[in-house]
Amino acid sequence: EITSPTFNIIKEYNGELPLYHVDVY
């Protein structure tokens, strides 16, 4: 489940490695 982090700016996900999804728009 990946959603655009537009309102959170940074979203963290746990996978094989952590994934930090950043949207600075």
mmCIF file of all heavy atoms, coordinates in Angstrom:
data_MODEL
# 
_entry.id   MODEL 
# 
loop_
_atom_site.group_PDB 
_atom_site.id 
_atom_site.type_symbol 
_atom_site.label_atom_id 
_atom_site.label_alt_id 
_atom_site.label_comp_id 
_atom_site.label_asym_id 
_atom_site.label_entity_id 
_atom_site.label_seq_id 
_atom_site.pdbx_PDB_ins_code 
_atom_site.Cartn_x 
_atom_site.Cartn_y 
_atom_site.Cartn_z 
_atom_site.occupancy 
_atom_site.B_iso_or_equiv 
_atom_site.pdbx_formal_charge 
_atom_site.auth_seq_id 
_atom_site.auth_comp_id 
_atom_site.auth_asym_id 
_atom_site.auth_atom_id 
_atom_site.pdbx_PDB_model_num 
ATOM 1   N N   . GLU A 1 1  ? 0.823  -1.212 0.000  1.00 0.00 ? 1  GLU A N   1 
ATOM 2   C CA  . GLU A 1 1  ? 0.000  0.000  0.000  1.00 0.00 ? 1  GLU A CA  1 
ATOM 3   C C   . GLU A 1 1  ? 0.852  1.255  0.000  1.00 0.00 ? 1  GLU A C   1 
ATOM 4   O O   . GLU A 1 1  ? 1.399  1.637  1.020  1.00 0.00 ? 1  GLU A O   1 
ATOM 5   C CB  . GLU A 1 1  ? -0.911 0.020  1.234  1.00 0.00 ? 1  GLU A CB  1 
ATOM 6   C CG  . GLU A 1 1  ? -2.267 -0.604 1.014  1.00 0.00 ? 1  GLU A CG  1 
ATOM 7   C CD  . GLU A 1 1  ? -3.005 -0.035 -0.189 1.00 0.00 ? 1  GLU A CD  1 
ATOM 8   O OE1 . GLU A 1 1  ? -3.224 1.195  -0.254 1.00 0.00 ? 1  GLU A OE1 1 
ATOM 9   O OE2 . GLU A 1 1  ? -3.368 -0.836 -1.065 1.00 0.00 ? 1  GLU A OE2 1 
ATOM 10  N N   . ILE A 1 2  ? 0.978  1.885  -1.135 1.00 0.00 ? 2  ILE A N   1 
ATOM 11  C CA  . ILE A 1 2  ? 1.678  3.169  -1.195 1.00 0.00 ? 2  ILE A CA  1 
ATOM 12  C C   . ILE A 1 2  ? 0.644  4.224  -1.578 1.00 0.00 ? 2  ILE A C   1 
ATOM 13  O O   . ILE A 1 2  ? -0.091 4.058  -2.545 1.00 0.00 ? 2  ILE A O   1 
ATOM 14  C CB  . ILE A 1 2  ? 2.794  3.147  -2.264 1.00 0.00 ? 2  ILE A CB  1 
ATOM 15  C CG1 . ILE A 1 2  ? 3.963  2.307  -1.802 1.00 0.00 ? 2  ILE A CG1 1 
ATOM 16  C CG2 . ILE A 1 2  ? 3.259  4.550  -2.597 1.00 0.00 ? 2  ILE A CG2 1 
ATOM 17  C CD1 . ILE A 1 2  ? 4.887  2.971  -0.829 1.00 0.00 ? 2  ILE A CD1 1 
ATOM 18  N N   . THR A 1 3  ? 0.577  5.270  -0.792 1.00 0.00 ? 3  THR A N   1 
ATOM 19  C CA  . THR A 1 3  ? -0.280 6.390  -1.151 1.00 0.00 ? 3  THR A CA  1 
ATOM 20  C C   . THR A 1 3  ? 0.605  7.619  -1.231 1.00 0.00 ? 3  THR A C   1 
ATOM 21  O O   . THR A 1 3  ? 1.654  7.673  -0.595 1.00 0.00 ? 3  THR A O   1 
ATOM 22  C CB  . THR A 1 3  ? -1.385 6.615  -0.100 1.00 0.00 ? 3  THR A CB  1 
ATOM 23  O OG1 . THR A 1 3  ? -0.767 6.779  1.179  1.00 0.00 ? 3  THR A OG1 1 
ATOM 24  C CG2 . THR A 1 3  ? -2.349 5.445  -0.050 1.00 0.00 ? 3  THR A CG2 1 
ATOM 25  N N   . SER A 1 4  ? 0.198  8.573  -2.003 1.00 0.00 ? 4  SER A N   1 
ATOM 26  C CA  . SER A 1 4  ? 0.994  9.785  -2.127 1.00 0.00 ? 4  SER A CA  1 
ATOM 27  C C   . SER A 1 4  ? 1.068  10.464 -0.759 1.00 0.00 ? 4  SER A C   1 
ATOM 28  O O   . SER A 1 4  ? 0.055  10.664 -0.102 1.00 0.00 ? 4  SER A O   1 
ATOM 29  C CB  . SER A 1 4  ? 0.371  10.729 -3.154 1.00 0.00 ? 4  SER A CB  1 
ATOM 30  O OG  . SER A 1 4  ? 1.156  11.873 -3.253 1.00 0.00 ? 4  SER A OG  1 
ATOM 31  N N   . PRO A 1 5  ? 2.278  10.808 -0.310 1.00 0.00 ? 5  PRO A N   1 
ATOM 32  C CA  . PRO A 1 5  ? 2.425  11.401 1.032  1.00 0.00 ? 5  PRO A CA  1 
ATOM 33  C C   . PRO A 1 5  ? 2.185  12.905 1.051  1.00 0.00 ? 5  PRO A C   1 
ATOM 34  O O   . PRO A 1 5  ? 2.651  13.589 1.944  1.00 0.00 ? 5  PRO A O   1 
ATOM 35  C CB  . PRO A 1 5  ? 3.878  11.075 1.369  1.00 0.00 ? 5  PRO A CB  1 
ATOM 36  C CG  . PRO A 1 5  ? 4.566  11.079 0.055  1.00 0.00 ? 5  PRO A CG  1 
ATOM 37  C CD  . PRO A 1 5  ? 3.550  10.567 -0.959 1.00 0.00 ? 5  PRO A CD  1 
ATOM 38  N N   . THR A 1 6  ? 1.426  13.398 0.094  1.00 0.00 ? 6  THR A N   1 
ATOM 39  C CA  . THR A 1 6  ? 1.258  14.842 -0.065 1.00 0.00 ? 6  THR A CA  1 
ATOM 40  C C   . THR A 1 6  ? 0.921  15.548 1.240  1.00 0.00 ? 6  THR A C   1 
ATOM 41  O O   . THR A 1 6  ? 1.452  16.603 1.537  1.00 0.00 ? 6  THR A O   1 
ATOM 42  C CB  . THR A 1 6  ? 0.164  15.131 -1.106 1.00 0.00 ? 6  THR A CB  1 
ATOM 43  O OG1 . THR A 1 6  ? 0.559  14.506 -2.325 1.00 0.00 ? 6  THR A OG1 1 
ATOM 44  C CG2 . THR A 1 6  ? 0.023  16.608 -1.363 1.00 0.00 ? 6  THR A CG2 1 
ATOM 45  N N   . PHE A 1 7  ? 0.055  14.966 2.059  1.00 0.00 ? 7  PHE A N   1 
ATOM 46  C CA  . PHE A 1 7  ? -0.350 15.652 3.288  1.00 0.00 ? 7  PHE A CA  1 
ATOM 47  C C   . PHE A 1 7  ? 0.550  15.313 4.460  1.00 0.00 ? 7  PHE A C   1 
ATOM 48  O O   . PHE A 1 7  ? 0.579  16.029 5.442  1.00 0.00 ? 7  PHE A O   1 
ATOM 49  C CB  . PHE A 1 7  ? -1.815 15.358 3.601  1.00 0.00 ? 7  PHE A CB  1 
ATOM 50  C CG  . PHE A 1 7  ? -2.719 15.909 2.536  1.00 0.00 ? 7  PHE A CG  1 
ATOM 51  C CD1 . PHE A 1 7  ? -3.318 15.077 1.620  1.00 0.00 ? 7  PHE A CD1 1 
ATOM 52  C CD2 . PHE A 1 7  ? -2.913 17.277 2.402  1.00 0.00 ? 7  PHE A CD2 1 
ATOM 53  C CE1 . PHE A 1 7  ? -4.124 15.581 0.604  1.00 0.00 ? 7  PHE A CE1 1 
ATOM 54  C CE2 . PHE A 1 7  ? -3.704 17.804 1.390  1.00 0.00 ? 7  PHE A CE2 1 
ATOM 55  C CZ  . PHE A 1 7  ? -4.317 16.949 0.495  1.00 0.00 ? 7  PHE A CZ  1 
ATOM 56  N N   . ASN A 1 8  ? 1.289  14.212 4.376  1.00 0.00 ? 8  ASN A N   1 
ATOM 57  C CA  . ASN A 1 8  ? 2.180  13.816 5.466  1.00 0.00 ? 8  ASN A CA  1 
ATOM 58  C C   . ASN A 1 8  ? 3.614  14.266 5.235  1.00 0.00 ? 8  ASN A C   1 
ATOM 59  O O   . ASN A 1 8  ? 4.397  14.267 6.154  1.00 0.00 ? 8  ASN A O   1 
ATOM 60  C CB  . ASN A 1 8  ? 2.191  12.295 5.629  1.00 0.00 ? 8  ASN A CB  1 
ATOM 61  C CG  . ASN A 1 8  ? 0.834  11.773 6.016  1.00 0.00 ? 8  ASN A CG  1 
ATOM 62  O OD1 . ASN A 1 8  ? -0.132 12.009 5.310  1.00 0.00 ? 8  ASN A OD1 1 
ATOM 63  N ND2 . ASN A 1 8  ? 0.753  11.069 7.120  1.00 0.00 ? 8  ASN A ND2 1 
ATOM 64  N N   . ILE A 1 9  ? 3.963  14.573 4.011  1.00 0.00 ? 9  ILE A N   1 
ATOM 65  C CA  . ILE A 1 9  ? 5.299  14.918 3.549  1.00 0.00 ? 9  ILE A CA  1 
ATOM 66  C C   . ILE A 1 9  ? 6.225  13.697 3.582  1.00 0.00 ? 9  ILE A C   1 
ATOM 67  O O   . ILE A 1 9  ? 6.829  13.372 2.583  1.00 0.00 ? 9  ILE A O   1 
ATOM 68  C CB  . ILE A 1 9  ? 5.914  16.126 4.276  1.00 0.00 ? 9  ILE A CB  1 
ATOM 69  C CG1 . ILE A 1 9  ? 4.996  17.342 4.085  1.00 0.00 ? 9  ILE A CG1 1 
ATOM 70  C CG2 . ILE A 1 9  ? 7.303  16.441 3.729  1.00 0.00 ? 9  ILE A CG2 1 
ATOM 71  C CD1 . ILE A 1 9  ? 5.418  18.567 4.850  1.00 0.00 ? 9  ILE A CD1 1 
ATOM 72  N N   . ILE A 1 10 ? 6.319  13.001 4.721  1.00 0.00 ? 10 ILE A N   1 
ATOM 73  C CA  . ILE A 1 10 ? 7.157  11.795 4.771  1.00 0.00 ? 10 ILE A CA  1 
ATOM 74  C C   . ILE A 1 10 ? 6.300  10.634 5.286  1.00 0.00 ? 10 ILE A C   1 
ATOM 75  O O   . ILE A 1 10 ? 5.655  10.744 6.327  1.00 0.00 ? 10 ILE A O   1 
ATOM 76  C CB  . ILE A 1 10 ? 8.365  11.977 5.717  1.00 0.00 ? 10 ILE A CB  1 
ATOM 77  C CG1 . ILE A 1 10 ? 9.245  13.135 5.255  1.00 0.00 ? 10 ILE A CG1 1 
ATOM 78  C CG2 . ILE A 1 10 ? 9.181  10.680 5.785  1.00 0.00 ? 10 ILE A CG2 1 
ATOM 79  C CD1 . ILE A 1 10 ? 10.365 13.489 6.212  1.00 0.00 ? 10 ILE A CD1 1 
ATOM 80  N N   . LYS A 1 11 ? 6.307  9.533  4.526  1.00 0.00 ? 11 LYS A N   1 
ATOM 81  C CA  . LYS A 1 11 ? 5.648  8.307  4.980  1.00 0.00 ? 11 LYS A CA  1 
ATOM 82  C C   . LYS A 1 11 ? 6.702  7.210  5.079  1.00 0.00 ? 11 LYS A C   1 
ATOM 83  O O   . LYS A 1 11 ? 7.561  7.091  4.210  1.00 0.00 ? 11 LYS A O   1 
ATOM 84  C CB  . LYS A 1 11 ? 4.552  7.876  4.004  1.00 0.00 ? 11 LYS A CB  1 
ATOM 85  C CG  . LYS A 1 11 ? 3.270  8.641  4.171  1.00 0.00 ? 11 LYS A CG  1 
ATOM 86  C CD  . LYS A 1 11 ? 2.135  7.951  3.431  1.00 0.00 ? 11 LYS A CD  1 
ATOM 87  C CE  . LYS A 1 11 ? 0.809  8.567  3.807  1.00 0.00 ? 11 LYS A CE  1 
ATOM 88  N NZ  . LYS A 1 11 ? -0.296 7.931  3.082  1.00 0.00 ? 11 LYS A NZ  1 
ATOM 89  N N   . GLU A 1 12 ? 6.607  6.433  6.139  1.00 0.00 ? 12 GLU A N   1 
ATOM 90  C CA  . GLU A 1 12 ? 7.559  5.339  6.357  1.00 0.00 ? 12 GLU A CA  1 
ATOM 91  C C   . GLU A 1 12 ? 6.849  4.014  6.165  1.00 0.00 ? 12 GLU A C   1 
ATOM 92  O O   . GLU A 1 12 ? 5.727  3.824  6.627  1.00 0.00 ? 12 GLU A O   1 
ATOM 93  C CB  . GLU A 1 12 ? 8.136  5.413  7.773  1.00 0.00 ? 12 GLU A CB  1 
ATOM 94  C CG  . GLU A 1 12 ? 8.894  6.697  8.038  1.00 0.00 ? 12 GLU A CG  1 
ATOM 95  C CD  . GLU A 1 12 ? 9.553  6.721  9.418  1.00 0.00 ? 12 GLU A CD  1 
ATOM 96  O OE1 . GLU A 1 12 ? 9.809  5.633  9.985  1.00 0.00 ? 12 GLU A OE1 1 
ATOM 97  O OE2 . GLU A 1 12 ? 9.802  7.825  9.920  1.00 0.00 ? 12 GLU A OE2 1 
ATOM 98  N N   . TYR A 1 13 ? 7.521  3.103  5.450  1.00 0.00 ? 13 TYR A N   1 
ATOM 99  C CA  . TYR A 1 13 ? 6.978  1.765  5.203  1.00 0.00 ? 13 TYR A CA  1 
ATOM 100 C C   . TYR A 1 13 ? 8.037  0.748  5.581  1.00 0.00 ? 13 TYR A C   1 
ATOM 101 O O   . TYR A 1 13 ? 9.234  0.987  5.403  1.00 0.00 ? 13 TYR A O   1 
ATOM 102 C CB  . TYR A 1 13 ? 6.630  1.584  3.720  1.00 0.00 ? 13 TYR A CB  1 
ATOM 103 C CG  . TYR A 1 13 ? 5.591  2.546  3.209  1.00 0.00 ? 13 TYR A CG  1 
ATOM 104 C CD1 . TYR A 1 13 ? 5.952  3.759  2.637  1.00 0.00 ? 13 TYR A CD1 1 
ATOM 105 C CD2 . TYR A 1 13 ? 4.236  2.243  3.295  1.00 0.00 ? 13 TYR A CD2 1 
ATOM 106 C CE1 . TYR A 1 13 ? 4.995  4.642  2.163  1.00 0.00 ? 13 TYR A CE1 1 
ATOM 107 C CE2 . TYR A 1 13 ? 3.273  3.117  2.828  1.00 0.00 ? 13 TYR A CE2 1 
ATOM 108 C CZ  . TYR A 1 13 ? 3.660  4.317  2.258  1.00 0.00 ? 13 TYR A CZ  1 
ATOM 109 O OH  . TYR A 1 13 ? 2.709  5.173  1.786  1.00 0.00 ? 13 TYR A OH  1 
ATOM 110 N N   . ASN A 1 14 ? 7.595  -0.413 6.068  1.00 0.00 ? 14 ASN A N   1 
ATOM 111 C CA  . ASN A 1 14 ? 8.516  -1.487 6.386  1.00 0.00 ? 14 ASN A CA  1 
ATOM 112 C C   . ASN A 1 14 ? 8.440  -2.548 5.309  1.00 0.00 ? 14 ASN A C   1 
ATOM 113 O O   . ASN A 1 14 ? 7.373  -3.089 5.030  1.00 0.00 ? 14 ASN A O   1 
ATOM 114 C CB  . ASN A 1 14 ? 8.199  -2.101 7.754  1.00 0.00 ? 14 ASN A CB  1 
ATOM 115 C CG  . ASN A 1 14 ? 8.519  -1.136 8.873  1.00 0.00 ? 14 ASN A CG  1 
ATOM 116 O OD1 . ASN A 1 14 ? 9.572  -0.512 8.860  1.00 0.00 ? 14 ASN A OD1 1 
ATOM 117 N ND2 . ASN A 1 14 ? 7.622  -0.999 9.821  1.00 0.00 ? 14 ASN A ND2 1 
ATOM 118 N N   . GLY A 1 15 ? 9.590  -2.825 4.694  1.00 0.00 ? 15 GLY A N   1 
ATOM 119 C CA  . GLY A 1 15 ? 9.703  -3.861 3.682  1.00 0.00 ? 15 GLY A CA  1 
ATOM 120 C C   . GLY A 1 15 ? 11.010 -4.579 3.902  1.00 0.00 ? 15 GLY A C   1 
ATOM 121 O O   . GLY A 1 15 ? 11.489 -4.675 5.028  1.00 0.00 ? 15 GLY A O   1 
ATOM 122 N N   . GLU A 1 16 ? 11.614 -5.080 2.820  1.00 0.00 ? 16 GLU A N   1 
ATOM 123 C CA  . GLU A 1 16 ? 12.928 -5.727 2.940  1.00 0.00 ? 16 GLU A CA  1 
ATOM 124 C C   . GLU A 1 16 ? 13.924 -4.766 3.578  1.00 0.00 ? 16 GLU A C   1 
ATOM 125 O O   . GLU A 1 16 ? 14.787 -5.172 4.346  1.00 0.00 ? 16 GLU A O   1 
ATOM 126 C CB  . GLU A 1 16 ? 13.424 -6.146 1.560  1.00 0.00 ? 16 GLU A CB  1 
ATOM 127 C CG  . GLU A 1 16 ? 12.570 -7.214 0.915  1.00 0.00 ? 16 GLU A CG  1 
ATOM 128 C CD  . GLU A 1 16 ? 12.908 -7.404 -0.560 1.00 0.00 ? 16 GLU A CD  1 
ATOM 129 O OE1 . GLU A 1 16 ? 13.957 -6.919 -1.016 1.00 0.00 ? 16 GLU A OE1 1 
ATOM 130 O OE2 . GLU A 1 16 ? 12.112 -8.041 -1.249 1.00 0.00 ? 16 GLU A OE2 1 
ATOM 131 N N   . LEU A 1 17 ? 13.812 -3.515 3.230  1.00 0.00 ? 17 LEU A N   1 
ATOM 132 C CA  . LEU A 1 17 ? 14.485 -2.407 3.904  1.00 0.00 ? 17 LEU A CA  1 
ATOM 133 C C   . LEU A 1 17 ? 13.385 -1.397 4.198  1.00 0.00 ? 17 LEU A C   1 
ATOM 134 O O   . LEU A 1 17 ? 12.355 -1.403 3.528  1.00 0.00 ? 17 LEU A O   1 
ATOM 135 C CB  . LEU A 1 17 ? 15.523 -1.737 2.989  1.00 0.00 ? 17 LEU A CB  1 
ATOM 136 C CG  . LEU A 1 17 ? 16.812 -2.457 2.661  1.00 0.00 ? 17 LEU A CG  1 
ATOM 137 C CD1 . LEU A 1 17 ? 17.609 -1.666 1.615  1.00 0.00 ? 17 LEU A CD1 1 
ATOM 138 C CD2 . LEU A 1 17 ? 17.657 -2.657 3.900  1.00 0.00 ? 17 LEU A CD2 1 
ATOM 139 N N   . PRO A 1 18 ? 13.583 -0.509 5.163  1.00 0.00 ? 18 PRO A N   1 
ATOM 140 C CA  . PRO A 1 18 ? 12.586 0.555  5.334  1.00 0.00 ? 18 PRO A CA  1 
ATOM 141 C C   . PRO A 1 18 ? 12.540 1.415  4.070  1.00 0.00 ? 18 PRO A C   1 
ATOM 142 O O   . PRO A 1 18 ? 13.565 1.629  3.418  1.00 0.00 ? 18 PRO A O   1 
ATOM 143 C CB  . PRO A 1 18 ? 13.119 1.363  6.518  1.00 0.00 ? 18 PRO A CB  1 
ATOM 144 C CG  . PRO A 1 18 ? 14.100 0.472  7.204  1.00 0.00 ? 18 PRO A CG  1 
ATOM 145 C CD  . PRO A 1 18 ? 14.654 -0.443 6.152  1.00 0.00 ? 18 PRO A CD  1 
ATOM 146 N N   . LEU A 1 19 ? 11.360 1.890  3.733  1.00 0.00 ? 19 LEU A N   1 
ATOM 147 C CA  . LEU A 1 19 ? 11.191 2.807  2.609  1.00 0.00 ? 19 LEU A CA  1 
ATOM 148 C C   . LEU A 1 19 ? 10.632 4.110  3.155  1.00 0.00 ? 19 LEU A C   1 
ATOM 149 O O   . LEU A 1 19 ? 9.623  4.111  3.859  1.00 0.00 ? 19 LEU A O   1 
ATOM 150 C CB  . LEU A 1 19 ? 10.228 2.230  1.557  1.00 0.00 ? 19 LEU A CB  1 
ATOM 151 C CG  . LEU A 1 19 ? 9.884  3.181  0.396  1.00 0.00 ? 19 LEU A CG  1 
ATOM 152 C CD1 . LEU A 1 19 ? 11.124 3.481  -0.444 1.00 0.00 ? 19 LEU A CD1 1 
ATOM 153 C CD2 . LEU A 1 19 ? 8.788  2.578  -0.475 1.00 0.00 ? 19 LEU A CD2 1 
ATOM 154 N N   . TYR A 1 20 ? 11.324 5.202  2.847  1.00 0.00 ? 20 TYR A N   1 
ATOM 155 C CA  . TYR A 1 20 ? 10.883 6.524  3.261  1.00 0.00 ? 20 TYR A CA  1 
ATOM 156 C C   . TYR A 1 20 ? 10.437 7.261  1.999  1.00 0.00 ? 20 TYR A C   1 
ATOM 157 O O   . TYR A 1 20 ? 11.257 7.575  1.139  1.00 0.00 ? 20 TYR A O   1 
ATOM 158 C CB  . TYR A 1 20 ? 12.017 7.274  3.972  1.00 0.00 ? 20 TYR A CB  1 
ATOM 159 C CG  . TYR A 1 20 ? 12.640 6.450  5.072  1.00 0.00 ? 20 TYR A CG  1 
ATOM 160 C CD1 . TYR A 1 20 ? 13.960 6.036  5.000  1.00 0.00 ? 20 TYR A CD1 1 
ATOM 161 C CD2 . TYR A 1 20 ? 11.880 6.042  6.166  1.00 0.00 ? 20 TYR A CD2 1 
ATOM 162 C CE1 . TYR A 1 20 ? 14.525 5.255  5.992  1.00 0.00 ? 20 TYR A CE1 1 
ATOM 163 C CE2 . TYR A 1 20 ? 12.430 5.258  7.166  1.00 0.00 ? 20 TYR A CE2 1 
ATOM 164 C CZ  . TYR A 1 20 ? 13.753 4.866  7.071  1.00 0.00 ? 20 TYR A CZ  1 
ATOM 165 O OH  . TYR A 1 20 ? 14.294 4.086  8.056  1.00 0.00 ? 20 TYR A OH  1 
ATOM 166 N N   . HIS A 1 21 ? 9.146  7.492  1.892  1.00 0.00 ? 21 HIS A N   1 
ATOM 167 C CA  . HIS A 1 21 ? 8.563  8.140  0.712  1.00 0.00 ? 21 HIS A CA  1 
ATOM 168 C C   . HIS A 1 21 ? 8.293  9.591  1.072  1.00 0.00 ? 21 HIS A C   1 
ATOM 169 O O   . HIS A 1 21 ? 7.501  9.873  1.963  1.00 0.00 ? 21 HIS A O   1 
ATOM 170 C CB  . HIS A 1 21 ? 7.275  7.402  0.326  1.00 0.00 ? 21 HIS A CB  1 
ATOM 171 C CG  . HIS A 1 21 ? 6.645  7.898  -0.928 1.00 0.00 ? 21 HIS A CG  1 
ATOM 172 N ND1 . HIS A 1 21 ? 5.319  7.663  -1.220 1.00 0.00 ? 21 HIS A ND1 1 
ATOM 173 C CD2 . HIS A 1 21 ? 7.129  8.598  -1.974 1.00 0.00 ? 21 HIS A CD2 1 
ATOM 174 C CE1 . HIS A 1 21 ? 5.037  8.220  -2.394 1.00 0.00 ? 21 HIS A CE1 1 
ATOM 175 N NE2 . HIS A 1 21 ? 6.115  8.786  -2.869 1.00 0.00 ? 21 HIS A NE2 1 
ATOM 176 N N   . VAL A 1 22 ? 8.961  10.492 0.385  1.00 0.00 ? 22 VAL A N   1 
ATOM 177 C CA  . VAL A 1 22 ? 8.920  11.911 0.714  1.00 0.00 ? 22 VAL A CA  1 
ATOM 178 C C   . VAL A 1 22 ? 8.322  12.672 -0.468 1.00 0.00 ? 22 VAL A C   1 
ATOM 179 O O   . VAL A 1 22 ? 8.702  12.435 -1.615 1.00 0.00 ? 22 VAL A O   1 
ATOM 180 C CB  . VAL A 1 22 ? 10.349 12.449 1.006  1.00 0.00 ? 22 VAL A CB  1 
ATOM 181 C CG1 . VAL A 1 22 ? 10.304 13.911 1.413  1.00 0.00 ? 22 VAL A CG1 1 
ATOM 182 C CG2 . VAL A 1 22 ? 11.048 11.600 2.057  1.00 0.00 ? 22 VAL A CG2 1 
ATOM 183 N N   . ASP A 1 23 ? 7.389  13.567 -0.187 1.00 0.00 ? 23 ASP A N   1 
ATOM 184 C CA  . ASP A 1 23 ? 6.821  14.426 -1.218 1.00 0.00 ? 23 ASP A CA  1 
ATOM 185 C C   . ASP A 1 23 ? 6.926  15.859 -0.708 1.00 0.00 ? 23 ASP A C   1 
ATOM 186 O O   . ASP A 1 23 ? 6.216  16.240 0.222  1.00 0.00 ? 23 ASP A O   1 
ATOM 187 C CB  . ASP A 1 23 ? 5.365  14.038 -1.486 1.00 0.00 ? 23 ASP A CB  1 
ATOM 188 C CG  . ASP A 1 23 ? 4.741  14.817 -2.633 1.00 0.00 ? 23 ASP A CG  1 
ATOM 189 O OD1 . ASP A 1 23 ? 5.161  15.977 -2.871 1.00 0.00 ? 23 ASP A OD1 1 
ATOM 190 O OD2 . ASP A 1 23 ? 3.831  14.290 -3.274 1.00 0.00 ? 23 ASP A OD2 1 
ATOM 191 N N   . VAL A 1 24 ? 7.817  16.641 -1.306 1.00 0.00 ? 24 VAL A N   1 
ATOM 192 C CA  . VAL A 1 24 ? 8.060  17.999 -0.805 1.00 0.00 ? 24 VAL A CA  1 
ATOM 193 C C   . VAL A 1 24 ? 7.275  19.060 -1.579 1.00 0.00 ? 24 VAL A C   1 
ATOM 194 O O   . VAL A 1 24 ? 7.493  20.253 -1.392 1.00 0.00 ? 24 VAL A O   1 
ATOM 195 C CB  . VAL A 1 24 ? 9.576  18.343 -0.799 1.00 0.00 ? 24 VAL A CB  1 
ATOM 196 C CG1 . VAL A 1 24 ? 10.318 17.414 0.146  1.00 0.00 ? 24 VAL A CG1 1 
ATOM 197 C CG2 . VAL A 1 24 ? 10.178 18.292 -2.188 1.00 0.00 ? 24 VAL A CG2 1 
ATOM 198 N N   . TYR A 1 25 ? 6.328  18.631 -2.410 1.00 0.00 ? 25 TYR A N   1 
ATOM 199 C CA  . TYR A 1 25 ? 5.587  19.572 -3.261 1.00 0.00 ? 25 TYR A CA  1 
ATOM 200 C C   . TYR A 1 25 ? 4.950  20.703 -2.457 1.00 0.00 ? 25 TYR A C   1 
ATOM 201 O O   . TYR A 1 25 ? 5.035  21.855 -2.822 1.00 0.00 ? 25 TYR A O   1 
ATOM 202 C CB  . TYR A 1 25 ? 4.525  18.824 -4.064 1.00 0.00 ? 25 TYR A CB  1 
ATOM 203 C CG  . TYR A 1 25 ? 3.778  19.701 -5.034 1.00 0.00 ? 25 TYR A CG  1 
ATOM 204 C CD1 . TYR A 1 25 ? 4.401  20.174 -6.185 1.00 0.00 ? 25 TYR A CD1 1 
ATOM 205 C CD2 . TYR A 1 25 ? 2.461  20.068 -4.810 1.00 0.00 ? 25 TYR A CD2 1 
ATOM 206 C CE1 . TYR A 1 25 ? 3.732  20.991 -7.087 1.00 0.00 ? 25 TYR A CE1 1 
ATOM 207 C CE2 . TYR A 1 25 ? 1.781  20.879 -5.702 1.00 0.00 ? 25 TYR A CE2 1 
ATOM 208 C CZ  . TYR A 1 25 ? 2.429  21.332 -6.845 1.00 0.00 ? 25 TYR A CZ  1 
ATOM 209 O OH  . TYR A 1 25 ? 1.762  22.141 -7.728 1.00 0.00 ? 25 TYR A OH  1 
# 
